[in-house]
C-alpha atoms as a PDB file:
ATOM      1  CA  MET A   1     122.983  80.565  13.973  1.00  0.00           C
ATOM      2  CA  THR A   2     123.071  77.412  16.010  1.00  0.00           C
ATOM      3  CA  ALA A   3     120.028  75.153  16.274  1.00  0.00           C
ATOM      4  CA  ARG A   4     119.588  76.406  19.856  1.00  0.00           C
ATOM      5  CA  GLU A   5     119.545  80.058  18.746  1.00  0.00           C
ATOM      6  CA  ILE A   6     117.077  79.290  15.946  1.00  0.00           C
ATOM      7  CA  ALA A   7     114.803  77.379  18.303  1.00  0.00           C
ATOM      8  CA  ASP A   8     114.899  80.167  20.887  1.00  0.00           C
ATOM      9  CA  ARG A   9     113.741  82.708  18.297  1.00  0.00           C
ATOM     10  CA  LEU A  10     110.926  80.426  17.193  1.00  0.00           C
ATOM     11  CA  LEU A  11     109.870  79.710  20.758  1.00  0.00           C
ATOM     12  CA  ALA A  12     109.821  83.423  21.574  1.00  0.00           C
ATOM     13  CA  ALA A  13     107.640  84.105  18.527  1.00  0.00           C
ATOM     14  CA  ARG A  14     105.217  81.386  19.594  1.00  0.00           C
ATOM     15  CA  ARG A  15     105.128  82.695  23.153  1.00  0.00           C
ATOM     16  CA  THR A  16     104.597  86.370  22.287  1.00  0.00           C
ATOM     17  CA  GLY A  17     102.712  86.082  19.008  1.00  0.00           C
ATOM     18  CA  ARG A  18     105.207  88.493  17.478  1.00  0.00           C
ATOM     19  CA  PRO A  19     106.727  87.423  14.157  1.00  0.00           C
ATOM     20  CA  PHE A  20     110.305  88.260  13.278  1.00  0.00           C
ATOM     21  CA  ALA A  21     112.233  89.000  10.102  1.00  0.00           C
ATOM     22  CA  ALA A  22     114.141  85.973   8.848  1.00  0.00           C
ATOM     23  CA  ALA A  23     116.421  85.468   5.859  1.00  0.00           C
ATOM     24  CA  PRO A  24     118.163  82.350   4.537  1.00  0.00           C
ATOM     25  CA  ALA A  25     121.593  83.722   5.432  1.00  0.00           C
ATOM     26  CA  ASP A  26     120.821  83.851   9.160  1.00  0.00           C
ATOM     27  CA  GLY A  27     118.936  80.558   9.402  1.00  0.00           C
ATOM     28  CA  PRO A  28     119.768  76.855   9.375  1.00  0.00           C
ATOM     29  CA  ALA A  29     122.750  75.908   7.255  1.00  0.00           C
ATOM     30  CA  ASP A  30     121.193  72.646   6.099  1.00  0.00           C
ATOM     31  CA  GLU A  31     118.298  70.247   6.642  1.00  0.00           C
ATOM     32  CA  ALA A  32     119.991  68.648   9.643  1.00  0.00           C
ATOM     33  CA  GLY A  33     120.178  72.026  11.374  1.00  0.00           C
ATOM     34  CA  ALA A  34     116.498  72.714  10.650  1.00  0.00           C
ATOM     35  CA  LEU A  35     115.461  69.328  12.046  1.00  0.00           C
ATOM     36  CA  ALA A  36     117.593  69.898  15.145  1.00  0.00           C
ATOM     37  CA  ALA A  37     115.773  73.200  15.711  1.00  0.00           C
ATOM     38  CA  GLN A  38     112.425  71.415  15.284  1.00  0.00           C
ATOM     39  CA  ALA A  39     113.374  68.968  18.019  1.00  0.00           C
ATOM     40  CA  LEU A  40     114.355  71.781  20.377  1.00  0.00           C
ATOM     41  CA  VAL A  41     111.078  73.634  19.747  1.00  0.00           C
ATOM     42  CA  ALA A  42     109.145  70.419  20.417  1.00  0.00           C
ATOM     43  CA  ALA A  43     111.103  69.932  23.643  1.00  0.00           C
ATOM     44  CA  GLY A  44     110.310  73.495  24.715  1.00  0.00           C
ATOM     45  CA  ALA A  45     106.674  73.783  23.642  1.00  0.00           C
ATOM     46  CA  GLY A  46     105.590  70.218  22.911  1.00  0.00           C
ATOM     47  CA  PRO A  47     105.099  67.380  22.952  1.00  0.00           C
ATOM     48  CA  ALA A  48     104.295  66.566  19.365  1.00  0.00           C
ATOM     49  CA  GLY A  49     100.646  65.618  18.964  1.00  0.00           C
ATOM     50  CA  ALA A  50     100.820  64.846  15.243  1.00  0.00           C
ATOM     51  CA  PHE A  51     103.197  65.116  12.311  1.00  0.00           C
ATOM     52  CA  LYS A  52     103.066  66.487   8.811  1.00  0.00           C
ATOM     53  CA  THR A  53     104.770  65.057   5.783  1.00  0.00           C
ATOM     54  CA  GLY A  54     104.556  65.328   2.022  1.00  0.00           C
ATOM     55  CA  ARG A  55     106.596  65.126  -1.129  1.00  0.00           C
ATOM     56  CA  LYS A  56     106.287  66.472  -4.661  1.00  0.00           C
ATOM     57  CA  THR A  57     107.190  63.234  -6.432  1.00  0.00           C
ATOM     58  CA  ALA A  58     106.867  59.569  -5.535  1.00  0.00           C
ATOM     59  CA  ASP A  59     110.641  59.072  -5.366  1.00  0.00           C
ATOM     60  CA  ALA A  60     111.438  62.155  -3.267  1.00  0.00           C
ATOM     61  CA  ALA A  61     112.359  61.978   0.411  1.00  0.00           C
ATOM     62  CA  PRO A  62     109.334  62.908   2.550  1.00  0.00           C
ATOM     63  CA  LEU A  63     109.551  66.048   4.645  1.00  0.00           C
ATOM     64  CA  MET A  64     109.198  65.761   8.413  1.00  0.00           C
ATOM     65  CA  ALA A  65     107.672  68.289  10.792  1.00  0.00           C
ATOM     66  CA  PRO A  66     105.987  67.871  14.177  1.00  0.00           C
ATOM     67  CA  ILE A  67     102.654  69.473  15.043  1.00  0.00           C
ATOM     68  CA  LEU A  68     102.433  70.429  18.715  1.00  0.00           C
ATOM     69  CA  ALA A  69      99.799  68.603  20.754  1.00  0.00           C
ATOM     70  CA  SER A  70      98.457  71.920  22.033  1.00  0.00           C
ATOM     71  CA  VAL A  71      97.208  72.875  18.546  1.00  0.00           C
ATOM     72  CA  VAL A  72      95.579  69.575  17.512  1.00  0.00           C
ATOM     73  CA  HIS A  73      91.762  69.805  17.548  1.00  0.00           C
ATOM     74  CA  GLY A  74      88.729  67.738  16.691  1.00  0.00           C
ATOM     75  CA  THR A  75      86.307  68.661  13.943  1.00  0.00           C
ATOM     76  CA  GLY A  76      84.099  71.661  14.720  1.00  0.00           C
ATOM     77  CA  ALA A  77      86.847  73.511  16.611  1.00  0.00           C
ATOM     78  CA  VAL A  78      86.979  77.282  16.863  1.00  0.00           C
ATOM     79  CA  ILE A  79      90.482  78.475  15.944  1.00  0.00           C
ATOM     80  CA  ALA A  80      91.739  81.651  17.589  1.00  0.00           C
ATOM     81  CA  GLY A  81      94.815  83.824  17.155  1.00  0.00           C
ATOM     82  CA  GLY A  82      97.374  84.192  14.414  1.00  0.00           C
ATOM     83  CA  ARG A  83      98.127  86.667  11.648  1.00  0.00           C
ATOM     84  CA  LEU A  84      98.223  84.465   8.582  1.00  0.00           C
ATOM     85  CA  ARG A  85      95.432  81.956   8.373  1.00  0.00           C
ATOM     86  CA  GLY A  86      95.695  79.602   5.475  1.00  0.00           C
ATOM     87  CA  VAL A  87      93.928  76.254   5.274  1.00  0.00           C
ATOM     88  CA  GLU A  88      94.776  73.054   3.442  1.00  0.00           C
ATOM     89  CA  LEU A  89      92.632  69.925   3.120  1.00  0.00           C
ATOM     90  CA  GLU A  90      94.641  66.722   3.521  1.00  0.00           C
ATOM     91  CA  VAL A  91      94.436  62.972   3.990  1.00  0.00           C
ATOM     92  CA  GLY A  92      95.639  61.864   7.420  1.00  0.00           C
ATOM     93  CA  PHE A  93      96.537  58.479   8.855  1.00  0.00           C
ATOM     94  CA  ARG A  94      96.363  57.696  12.575  1.00  0.00           C
ATOM     95  CA  LEU A  95      98.475  54.931  14.038  1.00  0.00           C
ATOM     96  CA  GLU A  96      96.318  52.632  16.152  1.00  0.00           C
ATOM     97  CA  ARG A  97      99.086  50.331  17.432  1.00  0.00           C
ATOM     98  CA  PRO A  98     102.879  50.314  17.214  1.00  0.00           C
ATOM     99  CA  ALA A  99     104.226  50.425  13.685  1.00  0.00           C
ATOM    100  CA  PRO A 100     106.138  47.392  12.395  1.00  0.00           C
ATOM    101  CA  ASP A 101     109.894  47.472  12.008  1.00  0.00           C
ATOM    102  CA  PRO A 102     110.773  49.137   8.680  1.00  0.00           C
ATOM    103  CA  ASP A 103     113.151  46.229   8.015  1.00  0.00           C
ATOM    104  CA  ASP A 104     110.327  43.696   8.301  1.00  0.00           C
ATOM    105  CA  PRO A 105     109.781  42.129   4.850  1.00  0.00           C
ATOM    106  CA  ASP A 106     106.015  42.535   5.412  1.00  0.00           C
ATOM    107  CA  PHE A 107     106.395  46.144   6.587  1.00  0.00           C
ATOM    108  CA  ILE A 108     103.925  47.657   4.094  1.00  0.00           C
ATOM    109  CA  ALA A 109     101.149  45.128   4.682  1.00  0.00           C
ATOM    110  CA  LYS A 110     101.556  45.238   8.446  1.00  0.00           C
ATOM    111  CA  LEU A 111     101.678  49.045   8.491  1.00  0.00           C
ATOM    112  CA  ARG A 112      98.493  49.257   6.430  1.00  0.00           C
ATOM    113  CA  GLY A 113      96.774  47.125   9.063  1.00  0.00           C
ATOM    114  CA  CYS A 114      97.834  49.493  11.876  1.00  0.00           C
ATOM    115  CA  LEU A 115      96.024  52.546  10.543  1.00  0.00           C
ATOM    116  CA  VAL A 116      92.783  54.429  10.284  1.00  0.00           C
ATOM    117  CA  ALA A 117      92.397  57.244   7.765  1.00  0.00           C
ATOM    118  CA  LEU A 118      90.693  60.591   8.290  1.00  0.00           C
ATOM    119  CA  PRO A 119      90.154  63.965   6.647  1.00  0.00           C
ATOM    120  CA  ALA A 120      92.165  66.853   8.078  1.00  0.00           C
ATOM    121  CA  ILE A 121      92.374  70.623   7.795  1.00  0.00           C
ATOM    122  CA  GLU A 122      95.814  72.048   8.417  1.00  0.00           C
ATOM    123  CA  ILE A 123      95.968  75.663   9.569  1.00  0.00           C
ATOM    124  CA  VAL A 124      99.020  77.443   8.168  1.00  0.00           C
ATOM    125  CA  GLU A 125     100.647  80.110  10.330  1.00  0.00           C
ATOM    126  CA  SER A 126     104.165  81.473  10.137  1.00  0.00           C
ATOM    127  CA  ARG A 127     106.402  82.865  12.839  1.00  0.00           C
ATOM    128  CA  PHE A 128     108.024  85.135  10.206  1.00  0.00           C
ATOM    129  CA  GLU A 129     107.123  88.584   9.000  1.00  0.00           C
ATOM    130  CA  ASP A 130     107.558  87.320   5.438  1.00  0.00           C
ATOM    131  CA  MET A 131     107.255  83.553   5.129  1.00  0.00           C
ATOM    132  CA  ASP A 132     108.477  83.412   1.530  1.00  0.00           C
ATOM    133  CA  ALA A 133     111.519  85.601   2.197  1.00  0.00           C
ATOM    134  CA  ALA A 134     112.573  83.343   5.073  1.00  0.00           C
ATOM    135  CA  GLY A 135     113.329  80.488   2.687  1.00  0.00           C
ATOM    136  CA  PRO A 136     112.726  76.724   2.882  1.00  0.00           C
ATOM    137  CA  LEU A 137     115.137  75.868   5.703  1.00  0.00           C
ATOM    138  CA  TRP A 138     113.672  78.445   8.077  1.00  0.00           C
ATOM    139  CA  LYS A 139     110.190  77.141   7.187  1.00  0.00           C
ATOM    140  CA  LEU A 140     111.292  73.596   7.887  1.00  0.00           C
ATOM    141  CA  ALA A 141     112.692  74.660  11.260  1.00  0.00           C
ATOM    142  CA  ASP A 142     109.346  76.354  11.945  1.00  0.00           C
ATOM    143  CA  ASN A 143     107.495  73.018  11.668  1.00  0.00           C
ATOM    144  CA  GLN A 144     106.793  73.716   8.004  1.00  0.00           C
ATOM    145  CA  SER A 145     104.629  76.724   8.981  1.00  0.00           C
ATOM    146  CA  ASN A 146     102.072  74.736  10.951  1.00  0.00           C
ATOM    147  CA  GLY A 147      99.668  76.719  13.095  1.00  0.00           C
ATOM    148  CA  ALA A 148      97.042  74.117  14.022  1.00  0.00           C
ATOM    149  CA  LEU A 149      95.437  70.884  12.886  1.00  0.00           C
ATOM    150  CA  VAL A 150      91.762  69.894  12.820  1.00  0.00           C
ATOM    151  CA  LEU A 151      90.942  66.200  12.501  1.00  0.00           C
ATOM    152  CA  GLY A 152      87.780  64.537  11.252  1.00  0.00           C
ATOM    153  CA  GLU A 153      86.384  61.184  12.338  1.00  0.00           C
ATOM    154  CA  PRO A 154      88.507  58.110  11.546  1.00  0.00           C
ATOM    155  CA  VAL A 155      87.570  55.513   8.938  1.00  0.00           C
ATOM    156  CA  ALA A 156      88.803  51.965   9.521  1.00  0.00           C
ATOM    157  CA  ASP A 157      87.943  50.530   6.098  1.00  0.00           C
ATOM    158  CA  TRP A 158      89.940  52.891   3.910  1.00  0.00           C
ATOM    159  CA  SER A 159      92.345  50.729   1.899  1.00  0.00           C
ATOM    160  CA  ALA A 160      90.116  50.476  -1.194  1.00  0.00           C
ATOM    161  CA  LEU A 161      89.452  54.219  -1.389  1.00  0.00           C
ATOM    162  CA  PRO A 162      90.975  56.107  -4.367  1.00  0.00           C
ATOM    163  CA  LEU A 163      93.114  58.353  -2.164  1.00  0.00           C
ATOM    164  CA  ALA A 164      95.690  58.963  -4.904  1.00  0.00           C
ATOM    165  CA  ALA A 165      93.077  61.139  -6.639  1.00  0.00           C
ATOM    166  CA  PRO A 166      90.182  61.618  -4.221  1.00  0.00           C
ATOM    167  CA  VAL A 167      87.010  63.532  -4.950  1.00  0.00           C
ATOM    168  CA  LEU A 168      86.923  66.463  -2.552  1.00  0.00           C
ATOM    169  CA  ARG A 169      85.105  69.660  -1.721  1.00  0.00           C
ATOM    170  CA  LEU A 170      86.432  72.650   0.223  1.00  0.00           C
ATOM    171  CA  GLU A 171      84.142  75.480   1.311  1.00  0.00           C
ATOM    172  CA  ILE A 172      85.332  78.685   3.013  1.00  0.00           C
ATOM    173  CA  ALA A 173      82.925  81.329   4.324  1.00  0.00           C
ATOM    174  CA  GLY A 174      80.071  79.839   2.312  1.00  0.00           C
ATOM    175  CA  GLU A 175      82.011  79.726  -0.963  1.00  0.00           C
ATOM    176  CA  VAL A 176      83.101  76.501  -2.620  1.00  0.00           C
ATOM    177  CA  VAL A 177      86.751  77.127  -3.511  1.00  0.00           C
ATOM    178  CA  GLN A 178      87.584  73.660  -4.846  1.00  0.00           C
ATOM    179  CA  GLU A 179      85.532  70.654  -5.868  1.00  0.00           C
ATOM    180  CA  GLY A 180      86.116  67.437  -7.782  1.00  0.00           C
ATOM    181  CA  PRO A 181      88.828  64.794  -8.183  1.00  0.00           C
ATOM    182  CA  THR A 182      92.307  66.009  -7.268  1.00  0.00           C
ATOM    183  CA  PRO A 183      95.651  64.195  -7.621  1.00  0.00           C
ATOM    184  CA  ALA A 184      97.409  63.799  -4.290  1.00  0.00           C
ATOM    185  CA  PRO A 185     100.894  65.367  -4.088  1.00  0.00           C
ATOM    186  CA  GLY A 186     103.562  62.729  -4.564  1.00  0.00           C
ATOM    187  CA  GLY A 187     101.040  60.129  -5.697  1.00  0.00           C
ATOM    188  CA  ASP A 188      99.586  57.696  -3.158  1.00  0.00           C
ATOM    189  CA  PRO A 189      99.204  59.257   0.330  1.00  0.00           C
ATOM    190  CA  PHE A 190      99.756  55.884   2.001  1.00  0.00           C
ATOM    191  CA  ALA A 191     103.042  55.419   0.142  1.00  0.00           C
ATOM    192  CA  THR A 192     104.097  58.890   1.333  1.00  0.00           C
ATOM    193  CA  PHE A 193     103.105  57.940   4.876  1.00  0.00           C
ATOM    194  CA  ALA A 194     105.080  54.688   4.701  1.00  0.00           C
ATOM    195  CA  ALA A 195     108.171  56.539   3.465  1.00  0.00           C
ATOM    196  CA  PHE A 196     107.740  58.991   6.346  1.00  0.00           C
ATOM    197  CA  VAL A 197     107.582  56.174   8.911  1.00  0.00           C
ATOM    198  CA  ARG A 198     110.766  54.660   7.482  1.00  0.00           C
ATOM    199  CA  ARG A 199     112.530  58.007   7.820  1.00  0.00           C
ATOM    200  CA  LEU A 200     111.201  59.425  11.090  1.00  0.00           C
ATOM    201  CA  GLY A 201     112.835  57.155  13.661  1.00  0.00           C
ATOM    202  CA  GLY A 202     112.805  58.846  17.059  1.00  0.00           C
ATOM    203  CA  HIS A 203     112.689  62.422  15.741  1.00  0.00           C
ATOM    204  CA  CYS A 204     110.597  64.605  18.087  1.00  0.00           C
ATOM    205  CA  GLY A 205     109.584  61.539  20.081  1.00  0.00           C
ATOM    206  CA  GLY A 206     108.762  59.317  17.120  1.00  0.00           C
ATOM    207  CA  LEU A 207     105.387  58.109  15.907  1.00  0.00           C
ATOM    208  CA  ALA A 208     103.449  56.593  18.803  1.00  0.00           C
ATOM    209  CA  PRO A 209      99.988  55.007  18.658  1.00  0.00           C
ATOM    210  CA  GLY A 210      97.290  57.682  18.706  1.00  0.00           C
ATOM    211  CA  LEU A 211      99.264  60.182  16.619  1.00  0.00           C
ATOM    212  CA  THR A 212      98.124  61.308  13.185  1.00  0.00           C
ATOM    213  CA  VAL A 213     100.280  62.119  10.169  1.00  0.00           C
ATOM    214  CA  ILE A 214      98.925  64.376   7.434  1.00  0.00           C
ATOM    215  CA  THR A 215     100.306  63.645   3.991  1.00  0.00           C
ATOM    216  CA  GLY A 216     100.287  66.824   1.895  1.00  0.00           C
ATOM    217  CA  SER A 217      97.850  69.471   0.713  1.00  0.00           C
ATOM    218  CA  LEU A 218      95.196  68.452  -1.807  1.00  0.00           C
ATOM    219  CA  THR A 219      94.037  72.036  -2.261  1.00  0.00           C
ATOM    220  CA  GLY A 220      97.071  74.269  -1.980  1.00  0.00           C
ATOM    221  CA  MET A 221      96.908  76.976   0.658  1.00  0.00           C
ATOM    222  CA  ARG A 222      93.611  78.869   0.719  1.00  0.00           C
ATOM    223  CA  PHE A 223      93.323  82.009   2.815  1.00  0.00           C
ATOM    224  CA  THR A 224      90.528  82.753   5.261  1.00  0.00           C
ATOM    225  CA  VAL A 225      89.107  85.749   7.111  1.00  0.00           C
ATOM    226  CA  PRO A 226      88.078  86.199  10.772  1.00  0.00           C
ATOM    227  CA  GLY A 227      84.766  84.543  11.482  1.00  0.00           C
ATOM    228  CA  ALA A 228      84.946  82.275   8.440  1.00  0.00           C
ATOM    229  CA  ALA A 229      83.644  78.741   8.662  1.00  0.00           C
ATOM    230  CA  VAL A 230      85.631  76.101   6.787  1.00  0.00           C
ATOM    231  CA  GLU A 231      84.367  72.680   5.744  1.00  0.00           C
ATOM    232  CA  GLY A 232      86.251  70.058   3.791  1.00  0.00           C
ATOM    233  CA  ARG A 233      85.021  66.754   2.449  1.00  0.00           C
ATOM    234  CA  ILE A 234      86.955  63.820   0.995  1.00  0.00           C
ATOM    235  CA  ASP A 235      84.726  61.147  -0.534  1.00  0.00           C
ATOM    236  CA  GLY A 236      84.938  57.983   1.527  1.00  0.00           C
ATOM    237  CA  LEU A 237      86.527  59.757   4.500  1.00  0.00           C
ATOM    238  CA  GLY A 238      83.757  62.224   5.281  1.00  0.00           C
ATOM    239  CA  THR A 239      83.893  65.818   6.434  1.00  0.00           C
ATOM    240  CA  VAL A 240      86.016  67.976   8.718  1.00  0.00           C
ATOM    241  CA  SER A 241      85.232  71.540   9.747  1.00  0.00           C
ATOM    242  CA  CYS A 242      86.377  74.477  11.838  1.00  0.00           C
ATOM    243  CA  ARG A 243      85.641  78.153  12.317  1.00  0.00           C
ATOM    244  CA  PHE A 244      87.994  81.090  12.781  1.00  0.00           C
ATOM    245  CA  ALA A 245      87.281  83.381  15.711  1.00  0.00           C
END
């Protein structure tokens, strides 16, 4: 399939709420094709209101996926719709002013000064009947299975926090499902964010001031049920919560 055909199927699934069967053989041929489909979905249903990134190791290339502005919420939001409702607690960074040029020799220091940090709950939702069977390139084209994003309050003085292994707590429907110090995927979330900024460029509109980037799940994907309240806490960043209708 072409990127246009892939994007049209994803847009139709978003519009109707009806998932479709997808297999690697009929999806994007490579990462470039998946990213092209992302851009077309963002053009058709966007704009991007946030981004997600992450990597398994500190030397890996960070993934890139937009999160549509229409599904970005503040803490306490009620989340409606969707078949598959997974949640992930993550560290986010919000750009407060334009990012420095990646070629600037002081890029890292200047970038650090442009940010606030915040706790975030990502809602996972797939446009596929079987997300695992679809394969990684289809998932990448589908904005890495993002369904919604809930953002906590920003913290300006974050640089001394131990975000590479933060102490966290995640509670779903009154049950604590994870608690204690947890290594961040790929090591330091800020380093992952910086690598993402270097890579993103103008993809899906680029990273403008006011947009948040989440940096990878600290908890893995935890499933919820209708009516469940979810609350996450990251020491030093505070709490973020939502409820499922």
